[in-house]
Each structure stands twice: as structure tokens, then as C-alpha cells.
């Protein structure tokens, strides 16, 4: 039996506006996305999404669709704090909360693993 190596894709985004000083961004209507990247375990170059000053709603939707295609192509998505931050911001900016929740549920968040191991 020939088993292929697992395929991983990392995902990260950067926000356009400053994070609130109190650390609570629940009431913030939009943080914006300046750029995002998807890196692949089997490719030399990542895929970039960027715009100035920030991604439009349609560009944010395309980012969600790209992540869905990555998952459909058999990659496991990996983030650092993607559950609490990246997918939440993307859900807000794309207006696709269900799709972003499904992506978050199906991915590996390395910060969640660390948080649980530390007992938080």
C-alpha cells in the first residue's frame, strides 16, 4: 500500500487597523485585512492576497473560496491562533461566518494546542 505524505497549508492574515488597547475587539465592526498568505508544504512559494489599503469584501470572499479549495484538494490547514483571530476576522470581512467556522473546525490551530497543554 502506497501512502502519500500528508499535505499541509499554513494560513495567516494581517489586519488594517490597530487592535483595541483593551484587547477586546468584539465590538469592533471591522479590523480590515491588508494581506494574507497561504503556504503549502509541497510548493516553494505561498499564495498572497493583498490590497491597499485593505482587501475589499469580494477579495475577502475570494480568500475564503481559496481556502475552501485548498481543503478540498486534501490539504490540512494550519494556523497560529487562527481559531480565535484569523478565521474570526475573515468571517467578519467576508460576511461568510458559516464557511469560516467550517474552515476553523477542520483545521489545526497550534496555539489552541499550546493553550490546552498549559491548562488554560
PDB file of N, CA and C in Angstrom:
ATOM      1  N   UNK A   1       0.839  -1.171   0.000  1.00  0.00           N
ATOM      2  CA  UNK A   1       0.000   0.000   0.000  1.00  0.00           C
ATOM      3  C   UNK A   1       0.893   1.246   0.000  1.00  0.00           C
ATOM      4  N   UNK A   2       0.667   2.131  -0.939  1.00  0.00           N
ATOM      5  CA  UNK A   2       1.451   3.346  -1.063  1.00  0.00           C
ATOM      6  C   UNK A   2       0.689   4.504  -0.428  1.00  0.00           C
ATOM      7  N   UNK A   3       1.212   5.000   0.674  1.00  0.00           N
ATOM      8  CA  UNK A   3       0.570   6.136   1.334  1.00  0.00           C
ATOM      9  C   UNK A   3       1.321   7.409   0.975  1.00  0.00           C
ATOM     10  N   UNK A   4       0.594   8.394   0.519  1.00  0.00           N
ATOM     11  CA  UNK A   4       1.237   9.663   0.190  1.00  0.00           C
ATOM     12  C   UNK A   4       1.457  10.469   1.464  1.00  0.00           C
ATOM     13  N   UNK A   5       2.431  11.345   1.401  1.00  0.00           N
ATOM     14  CA  UNK A   5       2.732  12.203   2.550  1.00  0.00           C
ATOM     15  C   UNK A   5       1.567  13.154   2.795  1.00  0.00           C
ATOM     16  N   UNK A   6       1.305  13.482   4.051  1.00  0.00           N
ATOM     17  CA  UNK A   6       0.236  14.447   4.325  1.00  0.00           C
ATOM     18  C   UNK A   6       0.579  15.804   3.714  1.00  0.00           C
ATOM     19  N   UNK A   7      -0.448  16.519   3.320  1.00  0.00           N
ATOM     20  CA  UNK A   7      -0.271  17.841   2.723  1.00  0.00           C
ATOM     21  C   UNK A   7      -0.784  18.894   3.704  1.00  0.00           C
ATOM     22  N   UNK A   8       0.061  19.878   3.980  1.00  0.00           N
ATOM     23  CA  UNK A   8      -0.295  20.947   4.900  1.00  0.00           C
ATOM     24  C   UNK A   8      -0.265  22.287   4.178  1.00  0.00           C
ATOM     25  N   UNK A   9      -1.153  23.179   4.616  1.00  0.00           N
ATOM     26  CA  UNK A   9      -1.176  24.551   4.105  1.00  0.00           C
ATOM     27  C   UNK A   9      -1.326  25.487   5.295  1.00  0.00           C
ATOM     28  N   UNK A  10      -0.389  26.392   5.442  1.00  0.00           N
ATOM     29  CA  UNK A  10      -0.469  27.370   6.518  1.00  0.00           C
ATOM     30  C   UNK A  10      -1.236  28.594   6.030  1.00  0.00           C
ATOM     31  N   UNK A  11      -1.900  29.255   6.963  1.00  0.00           N
ATOM     32  CA  UNK A  11      -2.694  30.435   6.631  1.00  0.00           C
ATOM     33  C   UNK A  11      -2.470  31.497   7.689  1.00  0.00           C
ATOM     34  N   UNK A  12      -2.266  32.728   7.237  1.00  0.00           N
ATOM     35  CA  UNK A  12      -2.106  33.851   8.159  1.00  0.00           C
ATOM     36  C   UNK A  12      -2.609  35.107   7.470  1.00  0.00           C
ATOM     37  N   UNK A  13      -3.117  36.041   8.264  1.00  0.00           N
ATOM     38  CA  UNK A  13      -3.523  37.337   7.719  1.00  0.00           C
ATOM     39  C   UNK A  13      -3.076  38.440   8.653  1.00  0.00           C
ATOM     40  N   UNK A  14      -3.008  39.645   8.113  1.00  0.00           N
ATOM     41  CA  UNK A  14      -2.658  40.838   8.883  1.00  0.00           C
ATOM     42  C   UNK A  14      -3.801  41.834   8.770  1.00  0.00           C
ATOM     43  N   UNK A  15      -4.050  42.550   9.870  1.00  0.00           N
ATOM     44  CA  UNK A  15      -5.188  43.472   9.901  1.00  0.00           C
ATOM     45  C   UNK A  15      -4.770  44.894   9.515  1.00  0.00           C
ATOM     46  N   UNK A  16      -5.761  45.656   9.054  1.00  0.00           N
ATOM     47  CA  UNK A  16      -5.527  47.016   8.565  1.00  0.00           C
ATOM     48  C   UNK A  16      -5.561  48.061   9.676  1.00  0.00           C
ATOM     49  N   UNK A  17      -6.330  47.818  10.710  1.00  0.00           N
ATOM     50  CA  UNK A  17      -6.470  48.795  11.783  1.00  0.00           C
ATOM     51  C   UNK A  17      -5.858  48.268  13.080  1.00  0.00           C
ATOM     52  N   UNK A  18      -5.532  49.195  13.950  1.00  0.00           N
ATOM     53  CA  UNK A  18      -4.916  48.826  15.226  1.00  0.00           C
ATOM     54  C   UNK A  18      -5.890  48.014  16.071  1.00  0.00           C
ATOM     55  N   UNK A  19      -5.329  47.069  16.777  1.00  0.00           N
ATOM     56  CA  UNK A  19      -6.103  46.259  17.704  1.00  0.00           C
ATOM     57  C   UNK A  19      -6.478  47.142  18.886  1.00  0.00           C
ATOM     58  N   UNK A  20      -7.706  47.043  19.411  1.00  0.00           N
ATOM     59  CA  UNK A  20      -8.120  47.878  20.549  1.00  0.00           C
ATOM     60  C   UNK A  20      -7.178  47.721  21.748  1.00  0.00           C
ATOM     61  N   UNK A  21      -6.909  48.837  22.428  1.00  0.00           N
ATOM     62  CA  UNK A  21      -5.993  48.830  23.574  1.00  0.00           C
ATOM     63  C   UNK A  21      -6.433  47.882  24.676  1.00  0.00           C
ATOM     64  N   UNK A  22      -7.740  47.731  24.853  1.00  0.00           N
ATOM     65  CA  UNK A  22      -8.226  46.863  25.929  1.00  0.00           C
ATOM     66  C   UNK A  22      -8.211  45.385  25.540  1.00  0.00           C
ATOM     67  N   UNK A  23      -7.808  45.079  24.312  1.00  0.00           N
ATOM     68  CA  UNK A  23      -7.729  43.690  23.872  1.00  0.00           C
ATOM     69  C   UNK A  23      -9.052  43.078  23.491  1.00  0.00           C
ATOM     70  N   UNK A  24     -10.149  43.808  23.665  1.00  0.00           N
ATOM     71  CA  UNK A  24     -11.473  43.279  23.344  1.00  0.00           C
ATOM     72  C   UNK A  24     -11.932  43.867  22.014  1.00  0.00           C
ATOM     73  N   UNK A  25     -11.982  43.042  21.002  1.00  0.00           N
ATOM     74  CA  UNK A  25     -12.384  43.529  19.682  1.00  0.00           C
ATOM     75  C   UNK A  25     -13.770  43.035  19.282  1.00  0.00           C
ATOM     76  N   UNK A  26     -14.532  42.532  20.251  1.00  0.00           N
ATOM     77  CA  UNK A  26     -15.881  42.046  19.956  1.00  0.00           C
ATOM     78  C   UNK A  26     -16.785  43.141  19.402  1.00  0.00           C
ATOM     79  N   UNK A  27     -16.633  44.372  19.865  1.00  0.00           N
ATOM     80  CA  UNK A  27     -17.488  45.461  19.409  1.00  0.00           C
ATOM     81  C   UNK A  27     -16.973  46.187  18.177  1.00  0.00           C
ATOM     82  N   UNK A  28     -15.790  45.815  17.708  1.00  0.00           N
ATOM     83  CA  UNK A  28     -15.203  46.465  16.540  1.00  0.00           C
ATOM     84  C   UNK A  28     -15.915  45.959  15.289  1.00  0.00           C
ATOM     85  N   UNK A  29     -16.381  46.888  14.475  1.00  0.00           N
ATOM     86  CA  UNK A  29     -17.140  46.474  13.289  1.00  0.00           C
ATOM     87  C   UNK A  29     -16.250  45.965  12.171  1.00  0.00           C
ATOM     88  N   UNK A  30     -15.012  46.450  12.089  1.00  0.00           N
ATOM     89  CA  UNK A  30     -14.125  45.988  11.030  1.00  0.00           C
ATOM     90  C   UNK A  30     -12.678  46.276  11.389  1.00  0.00           C
ATOM     91  N   UNK A  31     -11.852  45.242  11.349  1.00  0.00           N
ATOM     92  CA  UNK A  31     -10.413  45.426  11.509  1.00  0.00           C
ATOM     93  C   UNK A  31      -9.730  45.515  10.153  1.00  0.00           C
ATOM     94  N   UNK A  32     -10.409  45.061   9.104  1.00  0.00           N
ATOM     95  CA  UNK A  32      -9.837  45.076   7.766  1.00  0.00           C
ATOM     96  C   UNK A  32      -8.721  44.055   7.618  1.00  0.00           C
ATOM     97  N   UNK A  33      -8.431  43.686   6.398  1.00  0.00           N
ATOM     98  CA  UNK A  33      -7.337  42.758   6.094  1.00  0.00           C
ATOM     99  C   UNK A  33      -6.444  43.439   5.062  1.00  0.00           C
ATOM    100  N   UNK A  34      -5.174  43.642   5.415  1.00  0.00           N
ATOM    101  CA  UNK A  34      -4.245  44.232   4.448  1.00  0.00           C
ATOM    102  C   UNK A  34      -3.642  43.174   3.547  1.00  0.00           C
ATOM    103  N   UNK A  35      -3.351  42.007   4.131  1.00  0.00           N
ATOM    104  CA  UNK A  35      -2.751  40.935   3.343  1.00  0.00           C
ATOM    105  C   UNK A  35      -2.986  39.599   4.033  1.00  0.00           C
ATOM    106  N   UNK A  36      -2.867  38.558   3.240  1.00  0.00           N
ATOM    107  CA  UNK A  36      -2.981  37.192   3.750  1.00  0.00           C
ATOM    108  C   UNK A  36      -2.104  36.310   2.876  1.00  0.00           C
ATOM    109  N   UNK A  37      -1.726  35.173   3.419  1.00  0.00           N
ATOM    110  CA  UNK A  37      -0.913  34.230   2.654  1.00  0.00           C
ATOM    111  C   UNK A  37      -1.316  32.809   2.999  1.00  0.00           C
ATOM    112  N   UNK A  38      -1.209  31.958   1.996  1.00  0.00           N
ATOM    113  CA  UNK A  38      -1.402  30.523   2.173  1.00  0.00           C
ATOM    114  C   UNK A  38      -0.113  29.869   1.690  1.00  0.00           C
ATOM    115  N   UNK A  39       0.573  29.185   2.598  1.00  0.00           N
ATOM    116  CA  UNK A  39       1.805  28.487   2.253  1.00  0.00           C
ATOM    117  C   UNK A  39       1.546  26.996   2.171  1.00  0.00           C
ATOM    118  N   UNK A  40       2.208  26.332   1.254  1.00  0.00           N
ATOM    119  CA  UNK A  40       1.960  24.911   1.004  1.00  0.00           C
ATOM    120  C   UNK A  40       3.198  24.076   1.308  1.00  0.00           C
ATOM    121  N   UNK A  41       2.979  22.921   1.915  1.00  0.00           N
ATOM    122  CA  UNK A  41       4.087  22.038   2.262  1.00  0.00           C
ATOM    123  C   UNK A  41       4.792  21.487   1.029  1.00  0.00           C
ATOM    124  N   UNK A  42       4.141  21.508  -0.104  1.00  0.00           N
ATOM    125  CA  UNK A  42       4.728  20.941  -1.321  1.00  0.00           C
ATOM    126  C   UNK A  42       4.954  21.985  -2.420  1.00  0.00           C
ATOM    127  N   UNK A  43       5.047  23.249  -2.041  1.00  0.00           N
ATOM    128  CA  UNK A  43       5.297  24.314  -3.018  1.00  0.00           C
ATOM    129  C   UNK A  43       6.297  25.308  -2.443  1.00  0.00           C
ATOM    130  N   UNK A  44       7.143  25.838  -3.294  1.00  0.00           N
ATOM    131  CA  UNK A  44       8.181  26.764  -2.838  1.00  0.00           C
ATOM    132  C   UNK A  44       7.630  28.136  -2.485  1.00  0.00           C
ATOM    133  N   UNK A  45       6.610  28.577  -3.188  1.00  0.00           N
ATOM    134  CA  UNK A  45       6.084  29.925  -2.999  1.00  0.00           C
ATOM    135  C   UNK A  45       4.663  29.901  -2.446  1.00  0.00           C
ATOM    136  N   UNK A  46       4.373  30.781  -1.496  1.00  0.00           N
ATOM    137  CA  UNK A  46       2.997  30.886  -0.994  1.00  0.00           C
ATOM    138  C   UNK A  46       2.116  31.643  -1.985  1.00  0.00           C
ATOM    139  N   UNK A  47       0.824  31.581  -1.747  1.00  0.00           N
ATOM    140  CA  UNK A  47      -0.141  32.383  -2.487  1.00  0.00           C
ATOM    141  C   UNK A  47      -0.471  33.591  -1.631  1.00  0.00           C
ATOM    142  N   UNK A  48      -0.367  34.779  -2.217  1.00  0.00           N
ATOM    143  CA  UNK A  48      -0.607  36.019  -1.482  1.00  0.00           C
ATOM    144  C   UNK A  48      -1.914  36.667  -1.908  1.00  0.00           C
ATOM    145  N   UNK A  49      -2.544  37.319  -0.952  1.00  0.00           N
ATOM    146  CA  UNK A  49      -3.717  38.161  -1.177  1.00  0.00           C
ATOM    147  C   UNK A  49      -3.375  39.500  -0.537  1.00  0.00           C
ATOM    148  N   UNK A  50      -3.428  40.586  -1.297  1.00  0.00           N
ATOM    149  CA  UNK A  50      -3.095  41.887  -0.718  1.00  0.00           C
ATOM    150  C   UNK A  50      -3.768  42.994  -1.513  1.00  0.00           C
ATOM    151  N   UNK A  51      -3.995  44.093  -0.831  1.00  0.00           N
ATOM    152  CA  UNK A  51      -4.586  45.275  -1.455  1.00  0.00           C
ATOM    153  C   UNK A  51      -4.302  46.472  -0.564  1.00  0.00           C
ATOM    154  N   UNK A  52      -4.288  47.637  -1.161  1.00  0.00           N
ATOM    155  CA  UNK A  52      -4.092  48.860  -0.386  1.00  0.00           C
ATOM    156  C   UNK A  52      -5.352  49.710  -0.493  1.00  0.00           C
ATOM    157  N   UNK A  53      -5.893  50.179   0.583  1.00  0.00           N
ATOM    158  CA  UNK A  53      -5.378  49.993   1.934  1.00  0.00           C
ATOM    159  C   UNK A  53      -5.775  48.651   2.558  1.00  0.00           C
ATOM    160  N   UNK A  54      -6.777  47.971   1.973  1.00  0.00           N
ATOM    161  CA  UNK A  54      -7.188  46.677   2.522  1.00  0.00           C
ATOM    162  C   UNK A  54      -7.994  45.904   1.490  1.00  0.00           C
ATOM    163  N   UNK A  55      -8.174  44.611   1.747  1.00  0.00           N
ATOM    164  CA  UNK A  55      -8.979  43.773   0.861  1.00  0.00           C
ATOM    165  C   UNK A  55     -10.431  44.236   0.865  1.00  0.00           C
ATOM    166  N   UNK A  56     -11.043  44.207  -0.287  1.00  0.00           N
ATOM    167  CA  UNK A  56     -12.470  44.501  -0.393  1.00  0.00           C
ATOM    168  C   UNK A  56     -13.261  43.301   0.109  1.00  0.00           C
ATOM    169  N   UNK A  57     -14.552  43.480   0.241  1.00  0.00           N
ATOM    170  CA  UNK A  57     -15.409  42.356   0.623  1.00  0.00           C
ATOM    171  C   UNK A  57     -15.267  41.226  -0.398  1.00  0.00           C
ATOM    172  N   UNK A  58     -15.290  41.542  -1.690  1.00  0.00           N
ATOM    173  CA  UNK A  58     -15.196  40.492  -2.716  1.00  0.00           C
ATOM    174  C   UNK A  58     -13.834  39.794  -2.678  1.00  0.00           C
ATOM    175  N   UNK A  59     -12.760  40.520  -2.382  1.00  0.00           N
ATOM    176  CA  UNK A  59     -11.444  39.892  -2.253  1.00  0.00           C
ATOM    177  C   UNK A  59     -11.393  38.994  -1.018  1.00  0.00           C
ATOM    178  N   UNK A  60     -12.058  39.404   0.055  1.00  0.00           N
ATOM    179  CA  UNK A  60     -12.130  38.569   1.260  1.00  0.00           C
ATOM    180  C   UNK A  60     -12.925  37.299   0.984  1.00  0.00           C
ATOM    181  N   UNK A  61     -13.984  37.423   0.204  1.00  0.00           N
ATOM    182  CA  UNK A  61     -14.766  36.242  -0.190  1.00  0.00           C
ATOM    183  C   UNK A  61     -13.901  35.307  -1.027  1.00  0.00           C
ATOM    184  N   UNK A  62     -13.120  35.852  -1.947  1.00  0.00           N
ATOM    185  CA  UNK A  62     -12.233  35.018  -2.766  1.00  0.00           C
ATOM    186  C   UNK A  62     -11.209  34.301  -1.899  1.00  0.00           C
ATOM    187  N   UNK A  63     -10.730  34.944  -0.838  1.00  0.00           N
ATOM    188  CA  UNK A  63      -9.807  34.290   0.093  1.00  0.00           C
ATOM    189  C   UNK A  63     -10.484  33.101   0.765  1.00  0.00           C
ATOM    190  N   UNK A  64     -11.718  33.270   1.201  1.00  0.00           N
ATOM    191  CA  UNK A  64     -12.469  32.148   1.788  1.00  0.00           C
ATOM    192  C   UNK A  64     -12.593  31.021   0.771  1.00  0.00           C
ATOM    193  N   UNK A  65     -12.962  31.351  -0.455  1.00  0.00           N
ATOM    194  CA  UNK A  65     -13.123  30.331  -1.504  1.00  0.00           C
ATOM    195  C   UNK A  65     -11.795  29.630  -1.792  1.00  0.00           C
ATOM    196  N   UNK A  66     -10.700  30.378  -1.777  1.00  0.00           N
ATOM    197  CA  UNK A  66      -9.386  29.769  -1.993  1.00  0.00           C
ATOM    198  C   UNK A  66      -9.059  28.784  -0.874  1.00  0.00           C
ATOM    199  N   UNK A  67      -9.351  29.155   0.369  1.00  0.00           N
ATOM    200  CA  UNK A  67      -9.116  28.246   1.498  1.00  0.00           C
ATOM    201  C   UNK A  67      -9.989  27.004   1.396  1.00  0.00           C
ATOM    202  N   UNK A  68     -11.218  27.166   0.939  1.00  0.00           N
ATOM    203  CA  UNK A  68     -12.094  26.006   0.742  1.00  0.00           C
ATOM    204  C   UNK A  68     -11.528  25.082  -0.337  1.00  0.00           C
ATOM    205  N   UNK A  69     -10.983  25.650  -1.413  1.00  0.00           N
ATOM    206  CA  UNK A  69     -10.381  24.827  -2.473  1.00  0.00           C
ATOM    207  C   UNK A  69      -9.148  24.094  -1.957  1.00  0.00           C
ATOM    208  N   UNK A  70      -8.346  24.781  -1.146  1.00  0.00           N
ATOM    209  CA  UNK A  70      -7.158  24.161  -0.557  1.00  0.00           C
ATOM    210  C   UNK A  70      -7.573  22.941   0.262  1.00  0.00           C
ATOM    211  N   UNK A  71      -8.578  23.115   1.071  1.00  0.00           N
ATOM    212  CA  UNK A  71      -9.079  21.997   1.885  1.00  0.00           C
ATOM    213  C   UNK A  71      -9.630  20.881   1.007  1.00  0.00           C
ATOM    214  N   UNK A  72     -10.386  21.241  -0.028  1.00  0.00           N
ATOM    215  CA  UNK A  72     -10.953  20.240  -0.940  1.00  0.00           C
ATOM    216  C   UNK A  72      -9.856  19.485  -1.692  1.00  0.00           C
ATOM    217  N   UNK A  73      -8.703  20.124  -1.878  1.00  0.00           N
ATOM    218  CA  UNK A  73      -7.573  19.480  -2.556  1.00  0.00           C
ATOM    219  C   UNK A  73      -6.779  18.567  -1.626  1.00  0.00           C
ATOM    220  N   UNK A  74      -7.260  18.388  -0.390  1.00  0.00           N
ATOM    221  CA  UNK A  74      -6.649  17.425   0.515  1.00  0.00           C
ATOM    222  C   UNK A  74      -5.612  17.977   1.471  1.00  0.00           C
ATOM    223  N   UNK A  75      -5.496  19.286   1.551  1.00  0.00           N
ATOM    224  CA  UNK A  75      -4.557  19.886   2.491  1.00  0.00           C
ATOM    225  C   UNK A  75      -5.211  20.040   3.858  1.00  0.00           C
ATOM    226  N   UNK A  76      -4.408  19.903   4.905  1.00  0.00           N
ATOM    227  CA  UNK A  76      -4.824  20.249   6.255  1.00  0.00           C
ATOM    228  C   UNK A  76      -4.356  21.670   6.509  1.00  0.00           C
ATOM    229  N   UNK A  77      -5.290  22.559   6.812  1.00  0.00           N
ATOM    230  CA  UNK A  77      -4.936  23.943   7.116  1.00  0.00           C
ATOM    231  C   UNK A  77      -4.344  24.026   8.517  1.00  0.00           C
ATOM    232  N   UNK A  78      -3.305  24.853   8.669  1.00  0.00           N
ATOM    233  CA  UNK A  78      -2.616  25.041   9.941  1.00  0.00           C
ATOM    234  C   UNK A  78      -2.465  26.542  10.187  1.00  0.00           C
ATOM    235  N   UNK A  79      -2.779  26.980  11.421  1.00  0.00           N
ATOM    236  CA  UNK A  79      -2.612  28.389  11.790  1.00  0.00           C
ATOM    237  C   UNK A  79      -1.987  28.494  13.172  1.00  0.00           C
ATOM    238  N   UNK A  80      -1.622  29.717  13.516  1.00  0.00           N
ATOM    239  CA  UNK A  80      -1.267  30.070  14.883  1.00  0.00           C
ATOM    240  C   UNK A  80      -2.318  31.078  15.334  1.00  0.00           C
ATOM    241  N   UNK A  81      -3.206  30.654  16.208  1.00  0.00           N
ATOM    242  CA  UNK A  81      -4.310  31.464  16.726  1.00  0.00           C
ATOM    243  C   UNK A  81      -5.379  31.744  15.669  1.00  0.00           C
ATOM    244  N   UNK A  82      -5.464  30.907  14.674  1.00  0.00           N
ATOM    245  CA  UNK A  82      -6.461  31.090  13.622  1.00  0.00           C
ATOM    246  C   UNK A  82      -7.887  30.949  14.109  1.00  0.00           C
ATOM    247  N   UNK A  83      -8.102  30.095  15.092  1.00  0.00           N
ATOM    248  CA  UNK A  83      -9.457  29.883  15.601  1.00  0.00           C
ATOM    249  C   UNK A  83     -10.017  31.159  16.213  1.00  0.00           C
ATOM    250  N   UNK A  84      -9.239  31.787  17.074  1.00  0.00           N
ATOM    251  CA  UNK A  84      -9.719  32.969  17.790  1.00  0.00           C
ATOM    252  C   UNK A  84      -9.537  34.264  17.012  1.00  0.00           C
ATOM    253  N   UNK A  85      -8.654  34.264  16.012  1.00  0.00           N
ATOM    254  CA  UNK A  85      -8.371  35.531  15.347  1.00  0.00           C
ATOM    255  C   UNK A  85      -8.566  35.487  13.832  1.00  0.00           C
ATOM    256  N   UNK A  86      -7.698  34.784  13.117  1.00  0.00           N
ATOM    257  CA  UNK A  86      -7.702  34.860  11.650  1.00  0.00           C
ATOM    258  C   UNK A  86      -9.050  34.502  11.033  1.00  0.00           C
ATOM    259  N   UNK A  87      -9.628  33.380  11.442  1.00  0.00           N
ATOM    260  CA  UNK A  87     -10.916  32.991  10.862  1.00  0.00           C
ATOM    261  C   UNK A  87     -12.043  33.905  11.336  1.00  0.00           C
ATOM    262  N   UNK A  88     -11.925  34.443  12.553  1.00  0.00           N
ATOM    263  CA  UNK A  88     -12.941  35.388  13.042  1.00  0.00           C
ATOM    264  C   UNK A  88     -12.901  36.688  12.242  1.00  0.00           C
ATOM    265  N   UNK A  89     -11.700  37.209  11.998  1.00  0.00           N
ATOM    266  CA  UNK A  89     -11.564  38.422  11.184  1.00  0.00           C
ATOM    267  C   UNK A  89     -12.052  38.155   9.765  1.00  0.00           C
ATOM    268  N   UNK A  90     -11.654  37.022   9.202  1.00  0.00           N
ATOM    269  CA  UNK A  90     -12.068  36.691   7.835  1.00  0.00           C
ATOM    270  C   UNK A  90     -13.582  36.542   7.736  1.00  0.00           C
ATOM    271  N   UNK A  91     -14.198  35.967   8.748  1.00  0.00           N
ATOM    272  CA  UNK A  91     -15.665  35.840   8.760  1.00  0.00           C
ATOM    273  C   UNK A  91     -16.317  37.211   8.742  1.00  0.00           C
ATOM    274  N   UNK A  92     -15.776  38.122   9.520  1.00  0.00           N
ATOM    275  CA  UNK A  92     -16.311  39.484   9.589  1.00  0.00           C
ATOM    276  C   UNK A  92     -16.127  40.217   8.261  1.00  0.00           C
ATOM    277  N   UNK A  93     -14.950  40.121   7.679  1.00  0.00           N
ATOM    278  CA  UNK A  93     -14.649  40.873   6.459  1.00  0.00           C
ATOM    279  C   UNK A  93     -15.316  40.286   5.218  1.00  0.00           C
ATOM    280  N   UNK A  94     -15.513  38.974   5.195  1.00  0.00           N
ATOM    281  CA  UNK A  94     -16.120  38.322   4.027  1.00  0.00           C
ATOM    282  C   UNK A  94     -17.632  38.219   4.141  1.00  0.00           C
ATOM    283  N   UNK A  95     -18.160  38.383   5.352  1.00  0.00           N
ATOM    284  CA  UNK A  95     -19.585  38.146   5.635  1.00  0.00           C
ATOM    285  C   UNK A  95     -19.969  36.699   5.329  1.00  0.00           C
ATOM    286  N   UNK A  96     -19.009  35.784   5.547  1.00  0.00           N
ATOM    287  CA  UNK A  96     -19.248  34.349   5.369  1.00  0.00           C
ATOM    288  C   UNK A  96     -18.915  33.608   6.665  1.00  0.00           C
ATOM    289  N   UNK A  97     -19.657  33.885   7.747  1.00  0.00           N
ATOM    290  CA  UNK A  97     -19.310  33.273   9.033  1.00  0.00           C
ATOM    291  C   UNK A  97     -19.427  31.755   9.043  1.00  0.00           C
ATOM    292  N   UNK A  98     -20.414  31.211   8.367  1.00  0.00           N
ATOM    293  CA  UNK A  98     -20.580  29.749   8.369  1.00  0.00           C
ATOM    294  C   UNK A  98     -19.394  29.065   7.687  1.00  0.00           C
ATOM    295  N   UNK A  99     -19.010  29.581   6.534  1.00  0.00           N
ATOM    296  CA  UNK A  99     -17.893  28.992   5.800  1.00  0.00           C
ATOM    297  C   UNK A  99     -16.593  29.098   6.595  1.00  0.00           C
ATOM    298  N   UNK A 100     -16.382  30.241   7.240  1.00  0.00           N
ATOM    299  CA  UNK A 100     -15.174  30.418   8.045  1.00  0.00           C
ATOM    300  C   UNK A 100     -15.190  29.526   9.282  1.00  0.00           C
ATOM    301  N   UNK A 101     -16.355  29.331   9.877  1.00  0.00           N
ATOM    302  CA  UNK A 101     -16.469  28.416  11.021  1.00  0.00           C
ATOM    303  C   UNK A 101     -16.148  26.989  10.596  1.00  0.00           C
ATOM    304  N   UNK A 102     -16.625  26.589   9.426  1.00  0.00           N
ATOM    305  CA  UNK A 102     -16.329  25.240   8.930  1.00  0.00           C
ATOM    306  C   UNK A 102     -14.837  25.070   8.667  1.00  0.00           C
ATOM    307  N   UNK A 103     -14.200  26.087   8.101  1.00  0.00           N
ATOM    308  CA  UNK A 103     -12.753  26.029   7.890  1.00  0.00           C
ATOM    309  C   UNK A 103     -12.022  25.946   9.229  1.00  0.00           C
ATOM    310  N   UNK A 104     -12.458  26.734  10.202  1.00  0.00           N
ATOM    311  CA  UNK A 104     -11.818  26.727  11.520  1.00  0.00           C
ATOM    312  C   UNK A 104     -11.966  25.371  12.204  1.00  0.00           C
ATOM    313  N   UNK A 105     -13.139  24.786  12.096  1.00  0.00           N
ATOM    314  CA  UNK A 105     -13.365  23.479  12.729  1.00  0.00           C
ATOM    315  C   UNK A 105     -12.509  22.377  12.118  1.00  0.00           C
ATOM    316  N   UNK A 106     -12.168  22.517  10.850  1.00  0.00           N
ATOM    317  CA  UNK A 106     -11.445  21.459  10.143  1.00  0.00           C
ATOM    318  C   UNK A 106      -9.936  21.697  10.103  1.00  0.00           C
ATOM    319  N   UNK A 107      -9.433  22.689  10.837  1.00  0.00           N
ATOM    320  CA  UNK A 107      -8.007  22.982  10.735  1.00  0.00           C
ATOM    321  C   UNK A 107      -7.289  22.702  12.054  1.00  0.00           C
ATOM    322  N   UNK A 108      -5.966  22.812  12.013  1.00  0.00           N
ATOM    323  CA  UNK A 108      -5.130  22.626  13.194  1.00  0.00           C
ATOM    324  C   UNK A 108      -4.633  24.001  13.631  1.00  0.00           C
ATOM    325  N   UNK A 109      -4.987  24.384  14.853  1.00  0.00           N
ATOM    326  CA  UNK A 109      -4.549  25.659  15.417  1.00  0.00           C
ATOM    327  C   UNK A 109      -3.484  25.353  16.463  1.00  0.00           C
ATOM    328  N   UNK A 110      -2.242  25.661  16.149  1.00  0.00           N
ATOM    329  CA  UNK A 110      -1.146  25.327  17.053  1.00  0.00           C
ATOM    330  C   UNK A 110      -1.242  26.066  18.382  1.00  0.00           C
ATOM    331  N   UNK A 111      -1.830  27.255  18.395  1.00  0.00           N
ATOM    332  CA  UNK A 111      -1.973  27.983  19.660  1.00  0.00           C
ATOM    333  C   UNK A 111      -2.996  27.311  20.571  1.00  0.00           C
ATOM    334  N   UNK A 112      -4.049  26.756  20.007  1.00  0.00           N
ATOM    335  CA  UNK A 112      -5.031  26.033  20.821  1.00  0.00           C
ATOM    336  C   UNK A 112      -4.361  24.849  21.512  1.00  0.00           C
ATOM    337  N   UNK A 113      -3.497  24.164  20.784  1.00  0.00           N
ATOM    338  CA  UNK A 113      -2.791  23.018  21.364  1.00  0.00           C
ATOM    339  C   UNK A 113      -1.939  23.478  22.546  1.00  0.00           C
ATOM    340  N   UNK A 114      -1.181  24.554  22.375  1.00  0.00           N
ATOM    341  CA  UNK A 114      -0.341  25.084  23.455  1.00  0.00           C
ATOM    342  C   UNK A 114      -1.200  25.529  24.635  1.00  0.00           C
ATOM    343  N   UNK A 115      -2.291  26.220  24.348  1.00  0.00           N
ATOM    344  CA  UNK A 115      -3.190  26.696  25.404  1.00  0.00           C
ATOM    345  C   UNK A 115      -3.719  25.535  26.232  1.00  0.00           C
ATOM    346  N   UNK A 116      -4.163  24.481  25.581  1.00  0.00           N
ATOM    347  CA  UNK A 116      -4.688  23.325  26.306  1.00  0.00           C
ATOM    348  C   UNK A 116      -3.595  22.620  27.098  1.00  0.00           C
ATOM    349  N   UNK A 117      -2.417  22.493  26.516  1.00  0.00           N
ATOM    350  CA  UNK A 117      -1.322  21.831  27.221  1.00  0.00           C
ATOM    351  C   UNK A 117      -0.897  22.605  28.468  1.00  0.00           C
ATOM    352  N   UNK A 118      -1.039  23.924  28.433  1.00  0.00           N
ATOM    353  CA  UNK A 118      -0.684  24.747  29.587  1.00  0.00           C
ATOM    354  C   UNK A 118      -1.811  24.817  30.608  1.00  0.00           C
ATOM    355  N   UNK A 119      -2.962  24.259  30.292  1.00  0.00           N
ATOM    356  CA  UNK A 119      -4.060  24.205  31.239  1.00  0.00           C
ATOM    357  C   UNK A 119      -4.928  25.437  31.304  1.00  0.00           C
ATOM    358  N   UNK A 120      -4.936  26.242  30.276  1.00  0.00           N
ATOM    359  CA  UNK A 120      -5.761  27.467  30.269  1.00  0.00           C
ATOM    360  C   UNK A 120      -7.140  27.181  29.754  1.00  0.00           C
TER     361      UNK A 120
END
